Amino acid sequence: MKFLIGWHQYSAVLDTGCEASILSQQLYNELKLNAVESFELPTQNLVLVEEFSRKAHKVRKKYS
């Protein structure tokens, strides 16, 4: 799915049944610079697993 925020076009996968959304630090910073408001939940001590490689990444806390 492609969408616009301001004049910038982005691509994303839309999952209407997800419990949380995950995005890159770069995109997060860019959205904040463009004053895009979002609801943020504090997260810590998570393990993210990549869909295709099944590689696990530990997340101690969210970046902001």
PDB file of N, CA and C in Angstrom:
ATOM      1  N   MET A   1       0.846  -1.163   0.000  1.00  0.00           N
ATOM      2  CA  MET A   1       0.000   0.000   0.000  1.00  0.00           C
ATOM      3  C   MET A   1       0.898   1.235   0.000  1.00  0.00           C
ATOM      4  N   LYS A   2       0.569   2.213  -0.811  1.00  0.00           N
ATOM      5  CA  LYS A   2       1.310   3.474  -0.842  1.00  0.00           C
ATOM      6  C   LYS A   2       0.413   4.573  -0.293  1.00  0.00           C
ATOM      7  N   PHE A   3       1.022   5.528   0.433  1.00  0.00           N
ATOM      8  CA  PHE A   3       0.260   6.617   1.010  1.00  0.00           C
ATOM      9  C   PHE A   3       1.116   7.867   1.086  1.00  0.00           C
ATOM     10  N   LEU A   4       0.477   9.005   1.269  1.00  0.00           N
ATOM     11  CA  LEU A   4       1.167  10.288   1.359  1.00  0.00           C
ATOM     12  C   LEU A   4       1.056  10.856   2.761  1.00  0.00           C
ATOM     13  N   ILE A   5       2.156  11.414   3.235  1.00  0.00           N
ATOM     14  CA  ILE A   5       2.162  12.233   4.443  1.00  0.00           C
ATOM     15  C   ILE A   5       2.812  13.528   4.015  1.00  0.00           C
ATOM     16  N   GLY A   6       2.021  14.584   4.006  1.00  0.00           N
ATOM     17  CA  GLY A   6       2.504  15.832   3.425  1.00  0.00           C
ATOM     18  C   GLY A   6       2.723  15.612   1.940  1.00  0.00           C
ATOM     19  N   TRP A   7       3.911  15.878   1.465  1.00  0.00           N
ATOM     20  CA  TRP A   7       4.245  15.662   0.046  1.00  0.00           C
ATOM     21  C   TRP A   7       5.105  14.424  -0.146  1.00  0.00           C
ATOM     22  N   HIS A   8       5.326  13.651   0.897  1.00  0.00           N
ATOM     23  CA  HIS A   8       6.190  12.479   0.825  1.00  0.00           C
ATOM     24  C   HIS A   8       5.365  11.208   0.661  1.00  0.00           C
ATOM     25  N   GLN A   9       5.784  10.353  -0.272  1.00  0.00           N
ATOM     26  CA  GLN A   9       5.098   9.079  -0.493  1.00  0.00           C
ATOM     27  C   GLN A   9       5.837   7.961   0.235  1.00  0.00           C
ATOM     28  N   TYR A  10       5.080   7.083   0.880  1.00  0.00           N
ATOM     29  CA  TYR A  10       5.626   5.953   1.621  1.00  0.00           C
ATOM     30  C   TYR A  10       4.934   4.674   1.181  1.00  0.00           C
ATOM     31  N   SER A  11       5.570   3.542   1.442  1.00  0.00           N
ATOM     32  CA  SER A  11       4.972   2.232   1.203  1.00  0.00           C
ATOM     33  C   SER A  11       4.868   1.516   2.538  1.00  0.00           C
ATOM     34  N   ALA A  12       3.810   0.720   2.695  1.00  0.00           N
ATOM     35  CA  ALA A  12       3.627   0.002   3.948  1.00  0.00           C
ATOM     36  C   ALA A  12       2.781  -1.235   3.728  1.00  0.00           C
ATOM     37  N   VAL A  13       2.867  -2.146   4.665  1.00  0.00           N
ATOM     38  CA  VAL A  13       1.985  -3.308   4.722  1.00  0.00           C
ATOM     39  C   VAL A  13       0.927  -2.978   5.762  1.00  0.00           C
ATOM     40  N   LEU A  14      -0.323  -3.123   5.396  1.00  0.00           N
ATOM     41  CA  LEU A  14      -1.412  -2.804   6.305  1.00  0.00           C
ATOM     42  C   LEU A  14      -1.970  -4.084   6.896  1.00  0.00           C
ATOM     43  N   ASP A  15      -1.899  -4.189   8.228  1.00  0.00           N
ATOM     44  CA  ASP A  15      -2.427  -5.351   8.940  1.00  0.00           C
ATOM     45  C   ASP A  15      -3.454  -4.837   9.937  1.00  0.00           C
ATOM     46  N   THR A  16      -4.729  -4.964   9.605  1.00  0.00           N
ATOM     47  CA  THR A  16      -5.782  -4.408  10.456  1.00  0.00           C
ATOM     48  C   THR A  16      -5.994  -5.203  11.736  1.00  0.00           C
ATOM     49  N   GLY A  17      -5.385  -6.383  11.850  1.00  0.00           N
ATOM     50  CA  GLY A  17      -5.542  -7.188  13.047  1.00  0.00           C
ATOM     51  C   GLY A  17      -4.354  -7.143  13.978  1.00  0.00           C
ATOM     52  N   CYS A  18      -3.376  -6.294  13.686  1.00  0.00           N
ATOM     53  CA  CYS A  18      -2.170  -6.270  14.519  1.00  0.00           C
ATOM     54  C   CYS A  18      -2.420  -5.578  15.854  1.00  0.00           C
ATOM     55  N   GLU A  19      -1.617  -5.924  16.836  1.00  0.00           N
ATOM     56  CA  GLU A  19      -1.710  -5.304  18.156  1.00  0.00           C
ATOM     57  C   GLU A  19      -0.814  -4.083  18.264  1.00  0.00           C
ATOM     58  N   ALA A  20       0.219  -4.026  17.431  1.00  0.00           N
ATOM     59  CA  ALA A  20       1.153  -2.904  17.459  1.00  0.00           C
ATOM     60  C   ALA A  20       1.749  -2.715  16.081  1.00  0.00           C
ATOM     61  N   SER A  21       2.156  -1.499  15.788  1.00  0.00           N
ATOM     62  CA  SER A  21       2.812  -1.197  14.523  1.00  0.00           C
ATOM     63  C   SER A  21       4.297  -0.985  14.766  1.00  0.00           C
ATOM     64  N   ILE A  22       5.102  -1.463  13.855  1.00  0.00           N
ATOM     65  CA  ILE A  22       6.547  -1.330  13.987  1.00  0.00           C
ATOM     66  C   ILE A  22       7.064  -0.603  12.752  1.00  0.00           C
ATOM     67  N   LEU A  23       7.924   0.398  12.960  1.00  0.00           N
ATOM     68  CA  LEU A  23       8.501   1.117  11.845  1.00  0.00           C
ATOM     69  C   LEU A  23       9.955   1.410  12.147  1.00  0.00           C
ATOM     70  N   SER A  24      10.681   1.749  11.100  1.00  0.00           N
ATOM     71  CA  SER A  24      12.113   1.997  11.263  1.00  0.00           C
ATOM     72  C   SER A  24      12.349   3.287  12.038  1.00  0.00           C
ATOM     73  N   GLN A  25      13.507   3.372  12.658  1.00  0.00           N
ATOM     74  CA  GLN A  25      13.883   4.581  13.392  1.00  0.00           C
ATOM     75  C   GLN A  25      13.912   5.775  12.448  1.00  0.00           C
ATOM     76  N   GLN A  26      14.390   5.563  11.230  1.00  0.00           N
ATOM     77  CA  GLN A  26      14.470   6.637  10.234  1.00  0.00           C
ATOM     78  C   GLN A  26      13.077   7.177   9.907  1.00  0.00           C
ATOM     79  N   LEU A  27      12.121   6.298   9.653  1.00  0.00           N
ATOM     80  CA  LEU A  27      10.762   6.738   9.347  1.00  0.00           C
ATOM     81  C   LEU A  27      10.130   7.408  10.556  1.00  0.00           C
ATOM     82  N   TYR A  28      10.329   6.859  11.733  1.00  0.00           N
ATOM     83  CA  TYR A  28       9.806   7.457  12.963  1.00  0.00           C
ATOM     84  C   TYR A  28      10.291   8.902  13.102  1.00  0.00           C
ATOM     85  N   ASN A  29      11.596   9.115  12.933  1.00  0.00           N
ATOM     86  CA  ASN A  29      12.168  10.458  13.053  1.00  0.00           C
ATOM     87  C   ASN A  29      11.595  11.401  11.994  1.00  0.00           C
ATOM     88  N   GLU A  30      11.449  10.894  10.764  1.00  0.00           N
ATOM     89  CA  GLU A  30      10.919  11.712   9.681  1.00  0.00           C
ATOM     90  C   GLU A  30       9.466  12.116   9.956  1.00  0.00           C
ATOM     91  N   LEU A  31       8.665  11.194  10.443  1.00  0.00           N
ATOM     92  CA  LEU A  31       7.277  11.509  10.760  1.00  0.00           C
ATOM     93  C   LEU A  31       7.194  12.538  11.879  1.00  0.00           C
ATOM     94  N   LYS A  32       8.049  12.390  12.891  1.00  0.00           N
ATOM     95  CA  LYS A  32       8.069  13.360  13.991  1.00  0.00           C
ATOM     96  C   LYS A  32       8.483  14.747  13.493  1.00  0.00           C
ATOM     97  N   LEU A  33       9.462  14.808  12.574  1.00  0.00           N
ATOM     98  CA  LEU A  33       9.893  16.092  12.015  1.00  0.00           C
ATOM     99  C   LEU A  33       8.767  16.763  11.243  1.00  0.00           C
ATOM    100  N   ASN A  34       7.881  15.961  10.647  1.00  0.00           N
ATOM    101  CA  ASN A  34       6.748  16.494   9.897  1.00  0.00           C
ATOM    102  C   ASN A  34       5.510  16.662  10.781  1.00  0.00           C
ATOM    103  N   ALA A  35       5.687  16.617  12.088  1.00  0.00           N
ATOM    104  CA  ALA A  35       4.621  16.844  13.071  1.00  0.00           C
ATOM    105  C   ALA A  35       3.444  15.885  12.908  1.00  0.00           C
ATOM    106  N   VAL A  36       3.729  14.644  12.531  1.00  0.00           N
ATOM    107  CA  VAL A  36       2.676  13.629  12.445  1.00  0.00           C
ATOM    108  C   VAL A  36       2.452  13.083  13.844  1.00  0.00           C
ATOM    109  N   GLU A  37       1.232  13.220  14.339  1.00  0.00           N
ATOM    110  CA  GLU A  37       0.916  12.758  15.688  1.00  0.00           C
ATOM    111  C   GLU A  37       0.599  11.268  15.656  1.00  0.00           C
ATOM    112  N   SER A  38       0.985  10.578  16.709  1.00  0.00           N
ATOM    113  CA  SER A  38       0.695   9.144  16.794  1.00  0.00           C
ATOM    114  C   SER A  38       0.556   8.753  18.264  1.00  0.00           C
ATOM    115  N   PHE A  39      -0.160   7.675  18.482  1.00  0.00           N
ATOM    116  CA  PHE A  39      -0.306   7.120  19.812  1.00  0.00           C
ATOM    117  C   PHE A  39       0.860   6.166  20.041  1.00  0.00           C
ATOM    118  N   GLU A  40       1.608   6.355  21.100  1.00  0.00           N
ATOM    119  CA  GLU A  40       2.782   5.528  21.359  1.00  0.00           C
ATOM    120  C   GLU A  40       2.632   4.772  22.662  1.00  0.00           C
ATOM    121  N   LEU A  41       2.867   3.490  22.611  1.00  0.00           N
ATOM    122  CA  LEU A  41       2.857   2.665  23.807  1.00  0.00           C
ATOM    123  C   LEU A  41       4.289   2.422  24.254  1.00  0.00           C
ATOM    124  N   PRO A  42       4.562   2.502  25.552  1.00  0.00           N
ATOM    125  CA  PRO A  42       5.909   2.182  26.018  1.00  0.00           C
ATOM    126  C   PRO A  42       6.178   0.691  25.811  1.00  0.00           C
ATOM    127  N   THR A  43       7.297   0.381  25.225  1.00  0.00           N
ATOM    128  CA  THR A  43       7.648  -1.024  24.983  1.00  0.00           C
ATOM    129  C   THR A  43       9.044  -1.291  25.523  1.00  0.00           C
ATOM    130  N   GLN A  44       9.235  -2.479  26.037  1.00  0.00           N
ATOM    131  CA  GLN A  44      10.554  -2.884  26.497  1.00  0.00           C
ATOM    132  C   GLN A  44      10.612  -4.402  26.595  1.00  0.00           C
ATOM    133  N   ASN A  45      11.820  -4.921  26.516  1.00  0.00           N
ATOM    134  CA  ASN A  45      12.080  -6.353  26.627  1.00  0.00           C
ATOM    135  C   ASN A  45      11.252  -7.187  25.648  1.00  0.00           C
ATOM    136  N   LEU A  46      11.351  -6.845  24.375  1.00  0.00           N
ATOM    137  CA  LEU A  46      10.663  -7.575  23.319  1.00  0.00           C
ATOM    138  C   LEU A  46      11.659  -8.355  22.479  1.00  0.00           C
ATOM    139  N   VAL A  47      11.175  -9.369  21.798  1.00  0.00           N
ATOM    140  CA  VAL A  47      11.979 -10.073  20.810  1.00  0.00           C
ATOM    141  C   VAL A  47      11.209 -10.004  19.504  1.00  0.00           C
ATOM    142  N   LEU A  48      11.800  -9.347  18.504  1.00  0.00           N
ATOM    143  CA  LEU A  48      11.194  -9.258  17.180  1.00  0.00           C
ATOM    144  C   LEU A  48      11.814 -10.332  16.303  1.00  0.00           C
ATOM    145  N   VAL A  49      10.981 -11.027  15.552  1.00  0.00           N
ATOM    146  CA  VAL A  49      11.463 -12.085  14.664  1.00  0.00           C
ATOM    147  C   VAL A  49      11.118 -11.710  13.235  1.00  0.00           C
ATOM    148  N   GLU A  50      12.137 -11.684  12.349  1.00  0.00           N
ATOM    149  CA  GLU A  50      11.908 -11.365  10.943  1.00  0.00           C
ATOM    150  C   GLU A  50      11.088 -12.458  10.280  1.00  0.00           C
ATOM    151  N   GLU A  51      10.185 -12.055   9.415  1.00  0.00           N
ATOM    152  CA  GLU A  51       9.268 -12.988   8.765  1.00  0.00           C
ATOM    153  C   GLU A  51       9.979 -14.034   7.914  1.00  0.00           C
ATOM    154  N   PHE A  52      10.902 -13.617   7.063  1.00  0.00           N
ATOM    155  CA  PHE A  52      11.496 -14.549   6.102  1.00  0.00           C
ATOM    156  C   PHE A  52      12.749 -15.245   6.608  1.00  0.00           C
ATOM    157  N   SER A  53      13.594 -14.534   7.328  1.00  0.00           N
ATOM    158  CA  SER A  53      14.846 -15.148   7.782  1.00  0.00           C
ATOM    159  C   SER A  53      14.710 -15.797   9.156  1.00  0.00           C
ATOM    160  N   ARG A  54      13.634 -15.472   9.870  1.00  0.00           N
ATOM    161  CA  ARG A  54      13.398 -15.965  11.230  1.00  0.00           C
ATOM    162  C   ARG A  54      14.480 -15.499  12.200  1.00  0.00           C
ATOM    163  N   LYS A  55      15.202 -14.451  11.840  1.00  0.00           N
ATOM    164  CA  LYS A  55      16.235 -13.874  12.682  1.00  0.00           C
ATOM    165  C   LYS A  55      15.577 -13.117  13.843  1.00  0.00           C
ATOM    166  N   ALA A  56      16.074 -13.299  15.041  1.00  0.00           N
ATOM    167  CA  ALA A  56      15.505 -12.640  16.217  1.00  0.00           C
ATOM    168  C   ALA A  56      16.335 -11.414  16.593  1.00  0.00           C
ATOM    169  N   HIS A  57      15.644 -10.364  17.017  1.00  0.00           N
ATOM    170  CA  HIS A  57      16.285  -9.129  17.468  1.00  0.00           C
ATOM    171  C   HIS A  57      15.700  -8.754  18.823  1.00  0.00           C
ATOM    172  N   LYS A  58      16.564  -8.615  19.827  1.00  0.00           N
ATOM    173  CA  LYS A  58      16.086  -8.213  21.154  1.00  0.00           C
ATOM    174  C   LYS A  58      15.945  -6.690  21.193  1.00  0.00           C
ATOM    175  N   VAL A  59      14.842  -6.233  21.777  1.00  0.00           N
ATOM    176  CA  VAL A  59      14.584  -4.811  21.943  1.00  0.00           C
ATOM    177  C   VAL A  59      14.434  -4.552  23.437  1.00  0.00           C
ATOM    178  N   ARG A  60      15.350  -3.825  24.010  1.00  0.00           N
ATOM    179  CA  ARG A  60      15.288  -3.552  25.434  1.00  0.00           C
ATOM    180  C   ARG A  60      14.263  -2.466  25.753  1.00  0.00           C
ATOM    181  N   LYS A  61      14.213  -1.424  24.907  1.00  0.00           N
ATOM    182  CA  LYS A  61      13.219  -0.376  25.080  1.00  0.00           C
ATOM    183  C   LYS A  61      12.972   0.280  23.740  1.00  0.00           C
ATOM    184  N   LYS A  62      11.868   1.008  23.637  1.00  0.00           N
ATOM    185  CA  LYS A  62      11.576   1.675  22.375  1.00  0.00           C
ATOM    186  C   LYS A  62      12.486   2.878  22.216  1.00  0.00           C
ATOM    187  N   TYR A  63      12.745   3.241  20.979  1.00  0.00           N
ATOM    188  CA  TYR A  63      13.535   4.418  20.675  1.00  0.00           C
ATOM    189  C   TYR A  63      12.603   5.593  20.505  1.00  0.00           C
ATOM    190  N   SER A  64      13.031   6.736  20.946  1.00  0.00           N
ATOM    191  CA  SER A  64      12.225   7.948  20.712  1.00  0.00           C
ATOM    192  C   SER A  64      13.123   9.157  20.669  1.00  0.00           C
TER     193      SER A  64
END
